[in-house]
Amino acid sequence: MQSETLLLPGLICNETIFAGQVDVLGHKGVRAMHGYAQCRTIEAMAERVLEQAPDRFNLCGHSMGARVALEVVRRAPEKVAKLALLDTGVHTCRPGEKEKRYALYEVGRAQGMAALVDEWLPPMVGEPARGDRALMARMHAMACGEGLEAFEAQINALLSRPEVESLLPQVSVPTLIGVGSLDIWSPPAQHEHIASLIPDSRLVVFEGAGHMAPMETPDAVTAALAEWIG
């Protein structure tokens, strides 16, 4: 019997980020989870996922969701059959990160969530997506819908994120590492490093996508996930 596959969205994203993948692969037990938006730590997010997860499952996380996925692996490695990490990082907080994230939060407090997303979203996507008005509108609506309270909770979670790089060599399940070729937030070289540390891993680059690869190049991401699921 095939394991269920859980998809974990990232910062101010929800099930919409994986709509293209669920539409095609839903019949294989692929579903997006979004029950941790208000959690204030990565650890609490991971616990929320485990509360809702079956006994054995495949796990795919995008961006912050990939950090949550790794925390799930840390806490319950026996439950995860396969792992996929998309457009993410494993580094701890870098100099200036806190100030940048809170500056964006202050934009939201002063001008509203739409203004925050106006500033946050364009660097998250590649040039092809920035020229697709319908796609940008869907991503904008998704992020705005999550709200300022969720943004504040999630940046607190990211700023207090646990060290994870030392965990990677211990990951013993087949692992897909995926990244958009135009991702400037978490670039391909960063994913090459992640793949080099996970023994049974495969790196896939989604040509023409930025950080929001599941929505920017849905067919390529779906194909990679289908092959990973097997």
C-alpha atoms as a PDB file:
ATOM      1  CA  MET A   1       0.000   0.000   0.000  1.00  0.00           C
ATOM      2  CA  GLN A   2       1.377   3.400  -1.004  1.00  0.00           C
ATOM      3  CA  SER A   3       2.207   5.895   1.746  1.00  0.00           C
ATOM      4  CA  GLU A   4       0.230   9.116   1.943  1.00  0.00           C
ATOM      5  CA  THR A   5       2.231  12.198   0.908  1.00  0.00           C
ATOM      6  CA  LEU A   6       1.960  15.375   2.957  1.00  0.00           C
ATOM      7  CA  LEU A   7       2.933  18.772   1.485  1.00  0.00           C
ATOM      8  CA  LEU A   8       3.923  21.547   3.898  1.00  0.00           C
ATOM      9  CA  PRO A   9       3.665  25.198   2.744  1.00  0.00           C
ATOM     10  CA  GLY A  10       6.063  27.950   3.774  1.00  0.00           C
ATOM     11  CA  LEU A  11       5.899  31.522   5.030  1.00  0.00           C
ATOM     12  CA  ILE A  12       2.446  33.125   4.457  1.00  0.00           C
ATOM     13  CA  CYS A  13       1.567  30.374   2.005  1.00  0.00           C
ATOM     14  CA  ASN A  14      -1.220  27.815   2.235  1.00  0.00           C
ATOM     15  CA  GLU A  15      -2.596  24.874   0.263  1.00  0.00           C
ATOM     16  CA  THR A  16      -2.755  27.111  -2.821  1.00  0.00           C
ATOM     17  CA  ILE A  17       1.029  26.823  -3.295  1.00  0.00           C
ATOM     18  CA  PHE A  18       0.578  23.100  -4.029  1.00  0.00           C
ATOM     19  CA  ALA A  19      -2.686  23.269  -5.993  1.00  0.00           C
ATOM     20  CA  GLY A  20      -1.028  22.154  -9.231  1.00  0.00           C
ATOM     21  CA  GLN A  21       0.562  19.151  -7.582  1.00  0.00           C
ATOM     22  CA  VAL A  22      -2.548  18.047  -5.679  1.00  0.00           C
ATOM     23  CA  ASP A  23      -4.695  18.368  -8.817  1.00  0.00           C
ATOM     24  CA  VAL A  24      -2.495  15.858 -10.636  1.00  0.00           C
ATOM     25  CA  LEU A  25      -1.288  13.620  -7.805  1.00  0.00           C
ATOM     26  CA  GLY A  26      -4.198  13.728  -5.380  1.00  0.00           C
ATOM     27  CA  HIS A  27      -5.305  10.279  -6.495  1.00  0.00           C
ATOM     28  CA  LYS A  28      -1.950   8.983  -5.209  1.00  0.00           C
ATOM     29  CA  GLY A  29      -2.668  10.228  -1.705  1.00  0.00           C
ATOM     30  CA  VAL A  30      -0.932  13.589  -2.084  1.00  0.00           C
ATOM     31  CA  ARG A  31      -2.444  16.354   0.063  1.00  0.00           C
ATOM     32  CA  ALA A  32      -1.381  19.740   1.383  1.00  0.00           C
ATOM     33  CA  MET A  33      -1.432  20.459   5.109  1.00  0.00           C
ATOM     34  CA  HIS A  34      -1.926  23.878   6.651  1.00  0.00           C
ATOM     35  CA  GLY A  35      -2.636  23.475  10.322  1.00  0.00           C
ATOM     36  CA  TYR A  36       0.327  25.315  11.801  1.00  0.00           C
ATOM     37  CA  ALA A  37       0.037  28.890  10.502  1.00  0.00           C
ATOM     38  CA  GLN A  38      -0.256  30.459  13.956  1.00  0.00           C
ATOM     39  CA  CYS A  39       2.487  28.402  15.655  1.00  0.00           C
ATOM     40  CA  ARG A  40       5.373  30.533  16.886  1.00  0.00           C
ATOM     41  CA  THR A  41       8.197  27.957  16.691  1.00  0.00           C
ATOM     42  CA  ILE A  42       9.331  25.426  14.100  1.00  0.00           C
ATOM     43  CA  GLU A  43       9.157  22.779  16.821  1.00  0.00           C
ATOM     44  CA  ALA A  44       5.489  23.551  17.504  1.00  0.00           C
ATOM     45  CA  MET A  45       4.762  23.413  13.778  1.00  0.00           C
ATOM     46  CA  ALA A  46       6.367  19.968  13.563  1.00  0.00           C
ATOM     47  CA  GLU A  47       4.329  18.733  16.503  1.00  0.00           C
ATOM     48  CA  ARG A  48       1.154  20.004  14.847  1.00  0.00           C
ATOM     49  CA  VAL A  49       2.032  18.087  11.673  1.00  0.00           C
ATOM     50  CA  LEU A  50       2.662  14.895  13.635  1.00  0.00           C
ATOM     51  CA  GLU A  51      -0.674  15.266  15.417  1.00  0.00           C
ATOM     52  CA  GLN A  52      -2.445  15.233  12.040  1.00  0.00           C
ATOM     53  CA  ALA A  53      -0.229  12.769  10.161  1.00  0.00           C
ATOM     54  CA  PRO A  54      -0.735   9.039   9.644  1.00  0.00           C
ATOM     55  CA  ASP A  55       1.632   6.465  11.111  1.00  0.00           C
ATOM     56  CA  ARG A  56       3.842   6.408   7.977  1.00  0.00           C
ATOM     57  CA  PHE A  57       3.997   9.012   5.228  1.00  0.00           C
ATOM     58  CA  ASN A  58       6.080  10.786   2.607  1.00  0.00           C
ATOM     59  CA  LEU A  59       6.850  14.379   3.527  1.00  0.00           C
ATOM     60  CA  CYS A  60       7.527  17.360   1.264  1.00  0.00           C
ATOM     61  CA  GLY A  61       8.128  20.886   2.520  1.00  0.00           C
ATOM     62  CA  HIS A  62       8.522  24.135   0.630  1.00  0.00           C
ATOM     63  CA  SER A  63      10.660  26.974   2.043  1.00  0.00           C
ATOM     64  CA  MET A  64       9.793  27.278   5.759  1.00  0.00           C
ATOM     65  CA  GLY A  65       7.757  24.100   5.319  1.00  0.00           C
ATOM     66  CA  ALA A  66      10.959  22.226   4.499  1.00  0.00           C
ATOM     67  CA  ARG A  67      12.430  23.333   7.819  1.00  0.00           C
ATOM     68  CA  VAL A  68       9.285  22.006   9.485  1.00  0.00           C
ATOM     69  CA  ALA A  69       9.713  18.746   7.554  1.00  0.00           C
ATOM     70  CA  LEU A  70      13.264  18.361   8.834  1.00  0.00           C
ATOM     71  CA  GLU A  71      12.083  18.939  12.388  1.00  0.00           C
ATOM     72  CA  VAL A  72       9.483  16.197  11.872  1.00  0.00           C
ATOM     73  CA  VAL A  73      12.298  13.900  10.735  1.00  0.00           C
ATOM     74  CA  ARG A  74      14.311  14.816  13.822  1.00  0.00           C
ATOM     75  CA  ARG A  75      11.387  14.005  16.125  1.00  0.00           C
ATOM     76  CA  ALA A  76       9.879  10.973  14.398  1.00  0.00           C
ATOM     77  CA  PRO A  77      12.267   9.532  11.776  1.00  0.00           C
ATOM     78  CA  GLU A  78      10.483   6.181  11.834  1.00  0.00           C
ATOM     79  CA  LYS A  79       7.307   7.806  10.446  1.00  0.00           C
ATOM     80  CA  VAL A  80       8.847   9.417   7.338  1.00  0.00           C
ATOM     81  CA  ALA A  81       9.186   7.085   4.340  1.00  0.00           C
ATOM     82  CA  LYS A  82      10.534   9.673   1.875  1.00  0.00           C
ATOM     83  CA  LEU A  83      11.522  13.324   2.159  1.00  0.00           C
ATOM     84  CA  ALA A  84      11.435  16.249  -0.274  1.00  0.00           C
ATOM     85  CA  LEU A  85      12.874  19.710   0.425  1.00  0.00           C
ATOM     86  CA  LEU A  86      11.983  22.503  -2.014  1.00  0.00           C
ATOM     87  CA  ASP A  87      13.434  26.039  -2.201  1.00  0.00           C
ATOM     88  CA  THR A  88      14.783  26.130   1.329  1.00  0.00           C
ATOM     89  CA  GLY A  89      17.855  26.546   3.516  1.00  0.00           C
ATOM     90  CA  VAL A  90      19.501  24.915   6.502  1.00  0.00           C
ATOM     91  CA  HIS A  91      21.533  27.842   7.806  1.00  0.00           C
ATOM     92  CA  THR A  92      20.873  29.537  11.133  1.00  0.00           C
ATOM     93  CA  CYS A  93      19.950  33.217  11.357  1.00  0.00           C
ATOM     94  CA  ARG A  94      22.292  35.474   9.427  1.00  0.00           C
ATOM     95  CA  PRO A  95      23.373  39.003  10.372  1.00  0.00           C
ATOM     96  CA  GLY A  96      20.641  41.491   9.573  1.00  0.00           C
ATOM     97  CA  GLU A  97      17.936  38.869   9.036  1.00  0.00           C
ATOM     98  CA  LYS A  98      15.922  39.854  12.105  1.00  0.00           C
ATOM     99  CA  GLU A  99      15.977  43.532  11.153  1.00  0.00           C
ATOM    100  CA  LYS A 100      14.867  42.824   7.575  1.00  0.00           C
ATOM    101  CA  ARG A 101      12.011  40.570   8.620  1.00  0.00           C
ATOM    102  CA  TYR A 102      10.723  43.029  11.220  1.00  0.00           C
ATOM    103  CA  ALA A 103      11.044  45.950   8.812  1.00  0.00           C
ATOM    104  CA  LEU A 104       8.654  44.081   6.534  1.00  0.00           C
ATOM    105  CA  TYR A 105       6.339  43.406   9.452  1.00  0.00           C
ATOM    106  CA  GLU A 106       6.287  47.128  10.233  1.00  0.00           C
ATOM    107  CA  VAL A 107       5.208  47.824   6.643  1.00  0.00           C
ATOM    108  CA  GLY A 108       2.255  45.532   7.276  1.00  0.00           C
ATOM    109  CA  ARG A 109       1.420  47.204  10.573  1.00  0.00           C
ATOM    110  CA  ALA A 110       1.579  50.694   9.100  1.00  0.00           C
ATOM    111  CA  GLN A 111       0.093  50.138   5.652  1.00  0.00           C
ATOM    112  CA  GLY A 112      -1.727  46.807   5.721  1.00  0.00           C
ATOM    113  CA  MET A 113      -1.048  43.280   4.559  1.00  0.00           C
ATOM    114  CA  ALA A 114      -1.355  44.108   0.855  1.00  0.00           C
ATOM    115  CA  ALA A 115       1.520  46.599   1.131  1.00  0.00           C
ATOM    116  CA  LEU A 116       3.633  44.001   2.929  1.00  0.00           C
ATOM    117  CA  VAL A 117       2.988  41.452   0.182  1.00  0.00           C
ATOM    118  CA  ASP A 118       3.632  44.071  -2.516  1.00  0.00           C
ATOM    119  CA  GLU A 119       7.150  44.370  -1.119  1.00  0.00           C
ATOM    120  CA  TRP A 120       7.730  40.718  -0.171  1.00  0.00           C
ATOM    121  CA  LEU A 121       6.456  38.851  -3.226  1.00  0.00           C
ATOM    122  CA  PRO A 122       8.328  40.160  -6.314  1.00  0.00           C
ATOM    123  CA  PRO A 123      11.816  39.055  -5.128  1.00  0.00           C
ATOM    124  CA  MET A 124      10.333  35.632  -4.369  1.00  0.00           C
ATOM    125  CA  VAL A 125       9.613  34.835  -8.008  1.00  0.00           C
ATOM    126  CA  GLY A 126      11.573  34.673 -11.240  1.00  0.00           C
ATOM    127  CA  GLU A 127      11.250  37.156 -14.064  1.00  0.00           C
ATOM    128  CA  PRO A 128       8.848  34.947 -16.107  1.00  0.00           C
ATOM    129  CA  ALA A 129       6.393  34.812 -13.194  1.00  0.00           C
ATOM    130  CA  ARG A 130       6.611  38.551 -12.538  1.00  0.00           C
ATOM    131  CA  GLY A 131       5.279  39.062 -16.053  1.00  0.00           C
ATOM    132  CA  ASP A 132       2.291  36.734 -15.481  1.00  0.00           C
ATOM    133  CA  ARG A 133      -0.349  38.995 -13.967  1.00  0.00           C
ATOM    134  CA  ALA A 134      -2.832  36.205 -13.238  1.00  0.00           C
ATOM    135  CA  LEU A 135      -0.217  34.102 -11.469  1.00  0.00           C
ATOM    136  CA  MET A 136       1.034  37.056  -9.444  1.00  0.00           C
ATOM    137  CA  ALA A 137      -2.551  37.877  -8.455  1.00  0.00           C
ATOM    138  CA  ARG A 138      -3.093  34.320  -7.179  1.00  0.00           C
ATOM    139  CA  MET A 139       0.100  34.388  -5.144  1.00  0.00           C
ATOM    140  CA  HIS A 140      -0.680  37.860  -3.826  1.00  0.00           C
ATOM    141  CA  ALA A 141      -4.176  36.815  -2.737  1.00  0.00           C
ATOM    142  CA  MET A 142      -2.793  33.690  -1.049  1.00  0.00           C
ATOM    143  CA  ALA A 143      -0.240  35.633   0.984  1.00  0.00           C
ATOM    144  CA  CYS A 144      -2.648  38.436   1.895  1.00  0.00           C
ATOM    145  CA  GLY A 145      -5.195  35.871   3.022  1.00  0.00           C
ATOM    146  CA  GLU A 146      -2.798  34.513   5.630  1.00  0.00           C
ATOM    147  CA  GLY A 147      -2.768  37.856   7.428  1.00  0.00           C
ATOM    148  CA  LEU A 148      -0.378  39.903   9.513  1.00  0.00           C
ATOM    149  CA  GLU A 149      -0.815  37.842  12.683  1.00  0.00           C
ATOM    150  CA  ALA A 150       0.342  34.687  10.886  1.00  0.00           C
ATOM    151  CA  PHE A 151       3.261  36.563   9.326  1.00  0.00           C
ATOM    152  CA  GLU A 152       4.409  37.774  12.733  1.00  0.00           C
ATOM    153  CA  ALA A 153       4.114  34.288  14.262  1.00  0.00           C
ATOM    154  CA  GLN A 154       5.992  32.687  11.393  1.00  0.00           C
ATOM    155  CA  ILE A 155       8.881  35.154  11.322  1.00  0.00           C
ATOM    156  CA  ASN A 156       9.280  34.556  15.044  1.00  0.00           C
ATOM    157  CA  ALA A 157       9.427  30.833  14.288  1.00  0.00           C
ATOM    158  CA  LEU A 158      12.035  31.390  11.609  1.00  0.00           C
ATOM    159  CA  LEU A 159      14.150  33.686  13.762  1.00  0.00           C
ATOM    160  CA  SER A 160      14.228  31.084  16.542  1.00  0.00           C
ATOM    161  CA  ARG A 161      14.674  28.126  14.196  1.00  0.00           C
ATOM    162  CA  PRO A 162      16.700  25.180  15.472  1.00  0.00           C
ATOM    163  CA  GLU A 163      20.078  24.175  14.053  1.00  0.00           C
ATOM    164  CA  VAL A 164      19.470  21.560  11.373  1.00  0.00           C
ATOM    165  CA  GLU A 165      22.590  21.119   9.248  1.00  0.00           C
ATOM    166  CA  SER A 166      24.005  18.454  11.569  1.00  0.00           C
ATOM    167  CA  LEU A 167      20.812  16.431  11.068  1.00  0.00           C
ATOM    168  CA  LEU A 168      21.229  16.069   7.296  1.00  0.00           C
ATOM    169  CA  PRO A 169      23.817  13.229   7.285  1.00  0.00           C
ATOM    170  CA  GLN A 170      21.438  11.252   9.506  1.00  0.00           C
ATOM    171  CA  VAL A 171      18.561  11.394   6.993  1.00  0.00           C
ATOM    172  CA  SER A 172      18.331   7.812   5.758  1.00  0.00           C
ATOM    173  CA  VAL A 173      15.333   7.927   3.421  1.00  0.00           C
ATOM    174  CA  PRO A 174      15.201   8.773  -0.313  1.00  0.00           C
ATOM    175  CA  THR A 175      15.260  12.567  -0.493  1.00  0.00           C
ATOM    176  CA  LEU A 176      14.397  14.951  -3.307  1.00  0.00           C
ATOM    177  CA  ILE A 177      16.075  18.362  -3.234  1.00  0.00           C
ATOM    178  CA  GLY A 178      14.363  20.827  -5.581  1.00  0.00           C
ATOM    179  CA  VAL A 179      15.042  24.478  -6.379  1.00  0.00           C
ATOM    180  CA  GLY A 180      14.095  27.068  -8.950  1.00  0.00           C
ATOM    181  CA  SER A 181      16.986  28.050 -11.202  1.00  0.00           C
ATOM    182  CA  LEU A 182      16.150  31.730 -10.566  1.00  0.00           C
ATOM    183  CA  ASP A 183      15.657  31.445  -6.811  1.00  0.00           C
ATOM    184  CA  ILE A 184      17.667  34.310  -5.329  1.00  0.00           C
ATOM    185  CA  TRP A 185      16.253  33.835  -1.824  1.00  0.00           C
ATOM    186  CA  SER A 186      17.594  30.264  -1.517  1.00  0.00           C
ATOM    187  CA  PRO A 187      19.774  29.756  -4.612  1.00  0.00           C
ATOM    188  CA  PRO A 188      20.715  26.501  -6.353  1.00  0.00           C
ATOM    189  CA  ALA A 189      24.213  26.448  -4.811  1.00  0.00           C
ATOM    190  CA  GLN A 190      22.595  26.304  -1.386  1.00  0.00           C
ATOM    191  CA  HIS A 191      20.687  23.196  -2.463  1.00  0.00           C
ATOM    192  CA  GLU A 192      23.787  21.578  -3.905  1.00  0.00           C
ATOM    193  CA  HIS A 193      25.254  21.873  -0.407  1.00  0.00           C
ATOM    194  CA  ILE A 194      22.149  20.338   1.164  1.00  0.00           C
ATOM    195  CA  ALA A 195      22.192  17.456  -1.320  1.00  0.00           C
ATOM    196  CA  SER A 196      25.871  16.824  -0.603  1.00  0.00           C
ATOM    197  CA  LEU A 197      25.042  16.221   3.073  1.00  0.00           C
ATOM    198  CA  ILE A 198      22.080  13.848   2.659  1.00  0.00           C
ATOM    199  CA  PRO A 199      23.294  10.371   1.633  1.00  0.00           C
ATOM    200  CA  ASP A 200      20.351   9.190  -0.509  1.00  0.00           C
ATOM    201  CA  SER A 201      19.395  12.457  -2.209  1.00  0.00           C
ATOM    202  CA  ARG A 202      18.760  13.734  -5.721  1.00  0.00           C
ATOM    203  CA  LEU A 203      18.896  17.374  -6.799  1.00  0.00           C
ATOM    204  CA  VAL A 204      16.434  18.732  -9.368  1.00  0.00           C
ATOM    205  CA  VAL A 205      16.568  22.310 -10.698  1.00  0.00           C
ATOM    206  CA  PHE A 206      13.314  23.805 -11.998  1.00  0.00           C
ATOM    207  CA  GLU A 207      14.320  25.957 -14.945  1.00  0.00           C
ATOM    208  CA  GLY A 208      12.805  29.436 -15.044  1.00  0.00           C
ATOM    209  CA  ALA A 209      11.379  29.320 -11.516  1.00  0.00           C
ATOM    210  CA  GLY A 210      12.204  31.495  -8.548  1.00  0.00           C
ATOM    211  CA  HIS A 211      11.490  30.707  -4.907  1.00  0.00           C
ATOM    212  CA  MET A 212       7.813  29.896  -5.515  1.00  0.00           C
ATOM    213  CA  ALA A 213       8.570  26.996  -7.847  1.00  0.00           C
ATOM    214  CA  PRO A 214       5.448  24.899  -7.094  1.00  0.00           C
ATOM    215  CA  MET A 215       3.305  27.696  -8.555  1.00  0.00           C
ATOM    216  CA  GLU A 216       5.783  29.132 -11.073  1.00  0.00           C
ATOM    217  CA  THR A 217       6.615  25.829 -12.801  1.00  0.00           C
ATOM    218  CA  PRO A 218       3.896  23.487 -11.527  1.00  0.00           C
ATOM    219  CA  ASP A 219       4.363  20.842 -14.217  1.00  0.00           C
ATOM    220  CA  ALA A 220       8.084  20.460 -13.520  1.00  0.00           C
ATOM    221  CA  VAL A 221       7.561  20.267  -9.770  1.00  0.00           C
ATOM    222  CA  THR A 222       4.717  17.779 -10.200  1.00  0.00           C
ATOM    223  CA  ALA A 223       6.856  15.568 -12.440  1.00  0.00           C
ATOM    224  CA  ALA A 224       9.693  15.580  -9.920  1.00  0.00           C
ATOM    225  CA  LEU A 225       7.343  14.707  -7.079  1.00  0.00           C
ATOM    226  CA  ALA A 226       5.675  11.943  -9.111  1.00  0.00           C
ATOM    227  CA  GLU A 227       9.049  10.335  -9.780  1.00  0.00           C
ATOM    228  CA  TRP A 228      10.034  10.740  -6.117  1.00  0.00           C
ATOM    229  CA  ILE A 229       6.801   9.126  -4.919  1.00  0.00           C
ATOM    230  CA  GLY A 230       7.316   6.265  -7.395  1.00  0.00           C
END
